[in-house]
Amino acid sequence: MQWLLWVGLALLLGAIEVSSLDFVFGMIAAAALVAALVAALGADLPLQVISFAVAAALLLAVARPAVVRWVRPRLPATSTGTDANVGRRAEVLEQVTARDGRVKLRGEVWSARTDGGAPLPVGVDVEVVRIEGATAVVRALPTTDPGPAAAGPSGPTSPSAPSPWSPS
């Protein structure tokens, strides 16, 4: 009947592993299964405990690093917390200078400052470069307007450059 206790311990440790995903409790759960096998073969309690300890040490020292190396590169990198805001667009609510300002970032108002560029006027879309404490460091987004030089002699819909939206 001792083998059932080891299996129960393995199940409990496996449930903890599912919530942590560090592969520590999973290795210890596997060691508990080794001890359950030793108990099922009729060994006494000291030998079961020794087999559990040796299996746990080997699995944690050898198998876990290999499993971590195999699994971690396959997981998508997910930014969380303030790191998730880096690279996002924000809208300037109060002029942003190198010292202060306000932006609307993901529906929230943040204190902001530029990363050394010119002051940014109200209404401009900016990109978050980094977060320093509770302040978003932002820079102006590059303009996508081609400008008057690229428009051609008679404006943006000259005969030499038809609009992609007009029927052919």
C-alpha atoms as a PDB file:
ATOM      1  CA  MET A   1       0.000   0.000   0.000  1.00  0.00           C
ATOM      2  CA  GLN A   2       2.960   2.383   0.374  1.00  0.00           C
ATOM      3  CA  TRP A   3       3.241   2.645  -3.392  1.00  0.00           C
ATOM      4  CA  LEU A   4      -0.197   4.314  -3.434  1.00  0.00           C
ATOM      5  CA  LEU A   5       1.090   7.037  -1.109  1.00  0.00           C
ATOM      6  CA  TRP A   6       3.986   7.704  -3.484  1.00  0.00           C
ATOM      7  CA  VAL A   7       1.600   7.842  -6.450  1.00  0.00           C
ATOM      8  CA  GLY A   8      -0.625  10.251  -4.508  1.00  0.00           C
ATOM      9  CA  LEU A   9       2.416  12.426  -3.771  1.00  0.00           C
ATOM     10  CA  ALA A  10       3.356  12.329  -7.461  1.00  0.00           C
ATOM     11  CA  LEU A  11      -0.148  13.459  -8.450  1.00  0.00           C
ATOM     12  CA  LEU A  12      -0.064  16.303  -5.928  1.00  0.00           C
ATOM     13  CA  LEU A  13       3.357  17.443  -7.135  1.00  0.00           C
ATOM     14  CA  GLY A  14       2.179  17.170 -10.743  1.00  0.00           C
ATOM     15  CA  ALA A  15      -0.752  19.474  -9.975  1.00  0.00           C
ATOM     16  CA  ILE A  16       1.625  21.989  -8.413  1.00  0.00           C
ATOM     17  CA  GLU A  17       3.863  21.747 -11.494  1.00  0.00           C
ATOM     18  CA  VAL A  18       0.951  22.606 -13.762  1.00  0.00           C
ATOM     19  CA  SER A  19       0.514  25.889 -11.903  1.00  0.00           C
ATOM     20  CA  SER A  20       4.220  26.789 -11.766  1.00  0.00           C
ATOM     21  CA  LEU A  21       5.650  25.441 -15.060  1.00  0.00           C
ATOM     22  CA  ASP A  22       9.202  25.558 -13.706  1.00  0.00           C
ATOM     23  CA  PHE A  23       9.807  21.832 -14.213  1.00  0.00           C
ATOM     24  CA  VAL A  24      10.957  21.466 -10.596  1.00  0.00           C
ATOM     25  CA  PHE A  25       7.846  19.873  -9.134  1.00  0.00           C
ATOM     26  CA  GLY A  26       7.509  17.733 -12.255  1.00  0.00           C
ATOM     27  CA  MET A  27      10.955  16.238 -11.676  1.00  0.00           C
ATOM     28  CA  ILE A  28      10.151  15.585  -8.023  1.00  0.00           C
ATOM     29  CA  ALA A  29       6.838  14.004  -9.083  1.00  0.00           C
ATOM     30  CA  ALA A  30       8.757  11.678 -11.405  1.00  0.00           C
ATOM     31  CA  ALA A  31      11.059  10.786  -8.503  1.00  0.00           C
ATOM     32  CA  ALA A  32       7.975   9.949  -6.424  1.00  0.00           C
ATOM     33  CA  LEU A  33       6.891   7.574  -9.210  1.00  0.00           C
ATOM     34  CA  VAL A  34      10.309   5.907  -9.042  1.00  0.00           C
ATOM     35  CA  ALA A  35       9.824   5.473  -5.294  1.00  0.00           C
ATOM     36  CA  ALA A  36       6.337   4.058  -5.973  1.00  0.00           C
ATOM     37  CA  LEU A  37       7.866   1.491  -8.318  1.00  0.00           C
ATOM     38  CA  VAL A  38      10.461   0.546  -5.691  1.00  0.00           C
ATOM     39  CA  ALA A  39       7.661   0.208  -3.102  1.00  0.00           C
ATOM     40  CA  ALA A  40       5.579  -1.927  -5.476  1.00  0.00           C
ATOM     41  CA  LEU A  41       8.562  -4.267  -5.880  1.00  0.00           C
ATOM     42  CA  GLY A  42       8.467  -4.839  -2.113  1.00  0.00           C
ATOM     43  CA  ALA A  43      11.350  -2.700  -0.835  1.00  0.00           C
ATOM     44  CA  ASP A  44      11.173  -1.276   2.682  1.00  0.00           C
ATOM     45  CA  LEU A  45      10.654   2.429   3.478  1.00  0.00           C
ATOM     46  CA  PRO A  46      14.347   3.463   3.853  1.00  0.00           C
ATOM     47  CA  LEU A  47      15.137   2.104   0.383  1.00  0.00           C
ATOM     48  CA  GLN A  48      12.071   3.881  -1.029  1.00  0.00           C
ATOM     49  CA  VAL A  49      13.197   7.199   0.466  1.00  0.00           C
ATOM     50  CA  ILE A  50      16.764   6.696  -0.815  1.00  0.00           C
ATOM     51  CA  SER A  51      15.493   5.885  -4.321  1.00  0.00           C
ATOM     52  CA  PHE A  52      13.243   8.973  -4.180  1.00  0.00           C
ATOM     53  CA  ALA A  53      16.145  11.218  -3.130  1.00  0.00           C
ATOM     54  CA  VAL A  54      18.581   9.842  -5.722  1.00  0.00           C
ATOM     55  CA  ALA A  55      16.001  10.018  -8.524  1.00  0.00           C
ATOM     56  CA  ALA A  56      15.038  13.581  -7.560  1.00  0.00           C
ATOM     57  CA  ALA A  57      18.672  14.704  -7.482  1.00  0.00           C
ATOM     58  CA  LEU A  58      19.444  13.125 -10.856  1.00  0.00           C
ATOM     59  CA  LEU A  59      16.296  14.439 -12.506  1.00  0.00           C
ATOM     60  CA  LEU A  60      16.832  17.961 -11.182  1.00  0.00           C
ATOM     61  CA  ALA A  61      20.528  17.978 -12.108  1.00  0.00           C
ATOM     62  CA  VAL A  62      20.352  16.262 -15.502  1.00  0.00           C
ATOM     63  CA  ALA A  63      16.843  16.082 -16.939  1.00  0.00           C
ATOM     64  CA  ARG A  64      15.464  19.487 -15.895  1.00  0.00           C
ATOM     65  CA  PRO A  65      18.174  21.586 -17.610  1.00  0.00           C
ATOM     66  CA  ALA A  66      17.688  19.571 -20.801  1.00  0.00           C
ATOM     67  CA  VAL A  67      13.912  19.981 -20.677  1.00  0.00           C
ATOM     68  CA  VAL A  68      14.215  23.725 -20.000  1.00  0.00           C
ATOM     69  CA  ARG A  69      16.623  24.144 -22.954  1.00  0.00           C
ATOM     70  CA  TRP A  70      14.181  22.288 -25.194  1.00  0.00           C
ATOM     71  CA  VAL A  71      10.955  24.022 -24.061  1.00  0.00           C
ATOM     72  CA  ARG A  72      11.925  27.674 -23.473  1.00  0.00           C
ATOM     73  CA  PRO A  73      12.928  28.536 -27.081  1.00  0.00           C
ATOM     74  CA  ARG A  74       9.573  27.172 -28.260  1.00  0.00           C
ATOM     75  CA  LEU A  75       7.566  29.486 -25.983  1.00  0.00           C
ATOM     76  CA  PRO A  76       6.557  32.841 -27.432  1.00  0.00           C
ATOM     77  CA  ALA A  77       8.175  35.844 -25.796  1.00  0.00           C
ATOM     78  CA  THR A  78       5.474  37.789 -24.040  1.00  0.00           C
ATOM     79  CA  SER A  79       6.076  41.216 -22.598  1.00  0.00           C
ATOM     80  CA  THR A  80       4.137  41.969 -19.454  1.00  0.00           C
ATOM     81  CA  GLY A  81       3.654  44.944 -17.173  1.00  0.00           C
ATOM     82  CA  THR A  82       5.205  48.189 -18.311  1.00  0.00           C
ATOM     83  CA  ASP A  83       7.455  46.346 -20.788  1.00  0.00           C
ATOM     84  CA  ALA A  84       4.327  45.596 -22.828  1.00  0.00           C
ATOM     85  CA  ASN A  85       3.931  49.335 -23.513  1.00  0.00           C
ATOM     86  CA  VAL A  86       7.312  49.766 -25.226  1.00  0.00           C
ATOM     87  CA  GLY A  87       6.805  50.200 -28.959  1.00  0.00           C
ATOM     88  CA  ARG A  88       3.115  51.105 -28.618  1.00  0.00           C
ATOM     89  CA  ARG A  89       1.500  54.211 -30.005  1.00  0.00           C
ATOM     90  CA  ALA A  90       0.215  56.936 -27.724  1.00  0.00           C
ATOM     91  CA  GLU A  91      -1.545  60.258 -28.285  1.00  0.00           C
ATOM     92  CA  VAL A  92      -0.203  63.497 -26.843  1.00  0.00           C
ATOM     93  CA  LEU A  93      -2.761  65.075 -24.483  1.00  0.00           C
ATOM     94  CA  GLU A  94      -0.532  67.884 -23.120  1.00  0.00           C
ATOM     95  CA  GLN A  95       2.576  69.114 -24.919  1.00  0.00           C
ATOM     96  CA  VAL A  96       5.439  66.715 -24.259  1.00  0.00           C
ATOM     97  CA  THR A  97       8.864  68.231 -23.694  1.00  0.00           C
ATOM     98  CA  ALA A  98      12.149  66.818 -22.461  1.00  0.00           C
ATOM     99  CA  ARG A  99      10.889  67.500 -18.920  1.00  0.00           C
ATOM    100  CA  ASP A 100       7.148  66.721 -18.819  1.00  0.00           C
ATOM    101  CA  GLY A 101       3.872  66.202 -20.629  1.00  0.00           C
ATOM    102  CA  ARG A 102       0.919  63.804 -20.802  1.00  0.00           C
ATOM    103  CA  VAL A 103       0.003  61.059 -23.255  1.00  0.00           C
ATOM    104  CA  LYS A 104      -2.891  58.650 -23.584  1.00  0.00           C
ATOM    105  CA  LEU A 105      -1.450  55.154 -23.728  1.00  0.00           C
ATOM    106  CA  ARG A 106      -3.752  52.126 -24.011  1.00  0.00           C
ATOM    107  CA  GLY A 107      -6.654  54.119 -22.594  1.00  0.00           C
ATOM    108  CA  GLU A 108      -4.703  55.492 -19.619  1.00  0.00           C
ATOM    109  CA  VAL A 109      -3.145  58.904 -19.062  1.00  0.00           C
ATOM    110  CA  TRP A 110       0.607  58.694 -18.484  1.00  0.00           C
ATOM    111  CA  SER A 111       3.176  61.319 -17.617  1.00  0.00           C
ATOM    112  CA  ALA A 112       5.593  61.554 -20.502  1.00  0.00           C
ATOM    113  CA  ARG A 113       8.740  63.210 -21.770  1.00  0.00           C
ATOM    114  CA  THR A 114      10.603  63.137 -25.043  1.00  0.00           C
ATOM    115  CA  ASP A 115      13.786  61.203 -25.576  1.00  0.00           C
ATOM    116  CA  GLY A 116      15.626  64.441 -26.330  1.00  0.00           C
ATOM    117  CA  GLY A 117      13.820  65.555 -29.469  1.00  0.00           C
ATOM    118  CA  ALA A 118      11.742  68.657 -30.089  1.00  0.00           C
ATOM    119  CA  PRO A 119       8.580  69.279 -28.042  1.00  0.00           C
ATOM    120  CA  LEU A 120       5.587  67.310 -29.277  1.00  0.00           C
ATOM    121  CA  PRO A 121       2.283  69.219 -29.682  1.00  0.00           C
ATOM    122  CA  VAL A 122      -1.161  68.084 -28.550  1.00  0.00           C
ATOM    123  CA  GLY A 123      -2.841  65.534 -30.830  1.00  0.00           C
ATOM    124  CA  VAL A 124       0.348  64.049 -32.285  1.00  0.00           C
ATOM    125  CA  ASP A 125       0.780  60.288 -32.292  1.00  0.00           C
ATOM    126  CA  VAL A 126       3.994  59.146 -30.642  1.00  0.00           C
ATOM    127  CA  GLU A 127       5.799  55.877 -29.991  1.00  0.00           C
ATOM    128  CA  VAL A 128       6.834  54.736 -26.518  1.00  0.00           C
ATOM    129  CA  VAL A 129      10.599  54.199 -26.452  1.00  0.00           C
ATOM    130  CA  ARG A 130      10.856  53.040 -22.836  1.00  0.00           C
ATOM    131  CA  ILE A 131       9.168  53.334 -19.468  1.00  0.00           C
ATOM    132  CA  GLU A 132      11.033  54.978 -16.607  1.00  0.00           C
ATOM    133  CA  GLY A 133       9.061  54.539 -13.402  1.00  0.00           C
ATOM    134  CA  ALA A 134       5.618  55.980 -14.152  1.00  0.00           C
ATOM    135  CA  THR A 135       6.824  58.090 -17.089  1.00  0.00           C
ATOM    136  CA  ALA A 136       6.621  57.075 -20.730  1.00  0.00           C
ATOM    137  CA  VAL A 137       9.611  58.241 -22.744  1.00  0.00           C
ATOM    138  CA  VAL A 138       8.283  58.918 -26.241  1.00  0.00           C
ATOM    139  CA  ARG A 139       9.393  60.054 -29.677  1.00  0.00           C
ATOM    140  CA  ALA A 140       7.501  61.354 -32.680  1.00  0.00           C
ATOM    141  CA  LEU A 141       6.410  58.767 -35.185  1.00  0.00           C
ATOM    142  CA  PRO A 142       7.930  59.161 -38.650  1.00  0.00           C
ATOM    143  CA  THR A 143       5.543  60.911 -40.978  1.00  0.00           C
ATOM    144  CA  THR A 144       4.006  58.784 -43.690  1.00  0.00           C
ATOM    145  CA  ASP A 145       2.896  61.782 -45.757  1.00  0.00           C
ATOM    146  CA  PRO A 146       4.909  61.737 -49.009  1.00  0.00           C
ATOM    147  CA  GLY A 147       5.030  65.557 -49.063  1.00  0.00           C
ATOM    148  CA  PRO A 148       4.479  67.977 -51.976  1.00  0.00           C
ATOM    149  CA  ALA A 149       7.602  66.902 -53.877  1.00  0.00           C
ATOM    150  CA  ALA A 150       6.269  63.371 -54.331  1.00  0.00           C
ATOM    151  CA  ALA A 151       2.773  64.504 -55.323  1.00  0.00           C
ATOM    152  CA  GLY A 152       3.644  65.432 -58.890  1.00  0.00           C
ATOM    153  CA  PRO A 153       2.827  68.534 -60.959  1.00  0.00           C
ATOM    154  CA  SER A 154      -0.951  68.416 -60.638  1.00  0.00           C
ATOM    155  CA  GLY A 155      -1.305  67.012 -57.123  1.00  0.00           C
ATOM    156  CA  PRO A 156      -1.497  63.503 -55.779  1.00  0.00           C
ATOM    157  CA  THR A 157      -3.738  62.201 -58.592  1.00  0.00           C
ATOM    158  CA  SER A 158      -1.711  63.275 -61.608  1.00  0.00           C
ATOM    159  CA  PRO A 159      -2.216  61.343 -64.867  1.00  0.00           C
ATOM    160  CA  SER A 160       1.265  59.798 -64.578  1.00  0.00           C
ATOM    161  CA  ALA A 161       0.432  58.375 -61.130  1.00  0.00           C
ATOM    162  CA  PRO A 162      -3.209  57.275 -61.001  1.00  0.00           C
ATOM    163  CA  SER A 163      -4.823  56.671 -57.661  1.00  0.00           C
ATOM    164  CA  PRO A 164      -4.923  53.030 -56.625  1.00  0.00           C
ATOM    165  CA  TRP A 165      -8.534  53.600 -55.566  1.00  0.00           C
ATOM    166  CA  SER A 166      -9.815  54.863 -58.927  1.00  0.00           C
ATOM    167  CA  PRO A 167     -11.284  52.382 -61.397  1.00  0.00           C
ATOM    168  CA  SER A 168      -9.078  51.476 -64.327  1.00  0.00           C
END
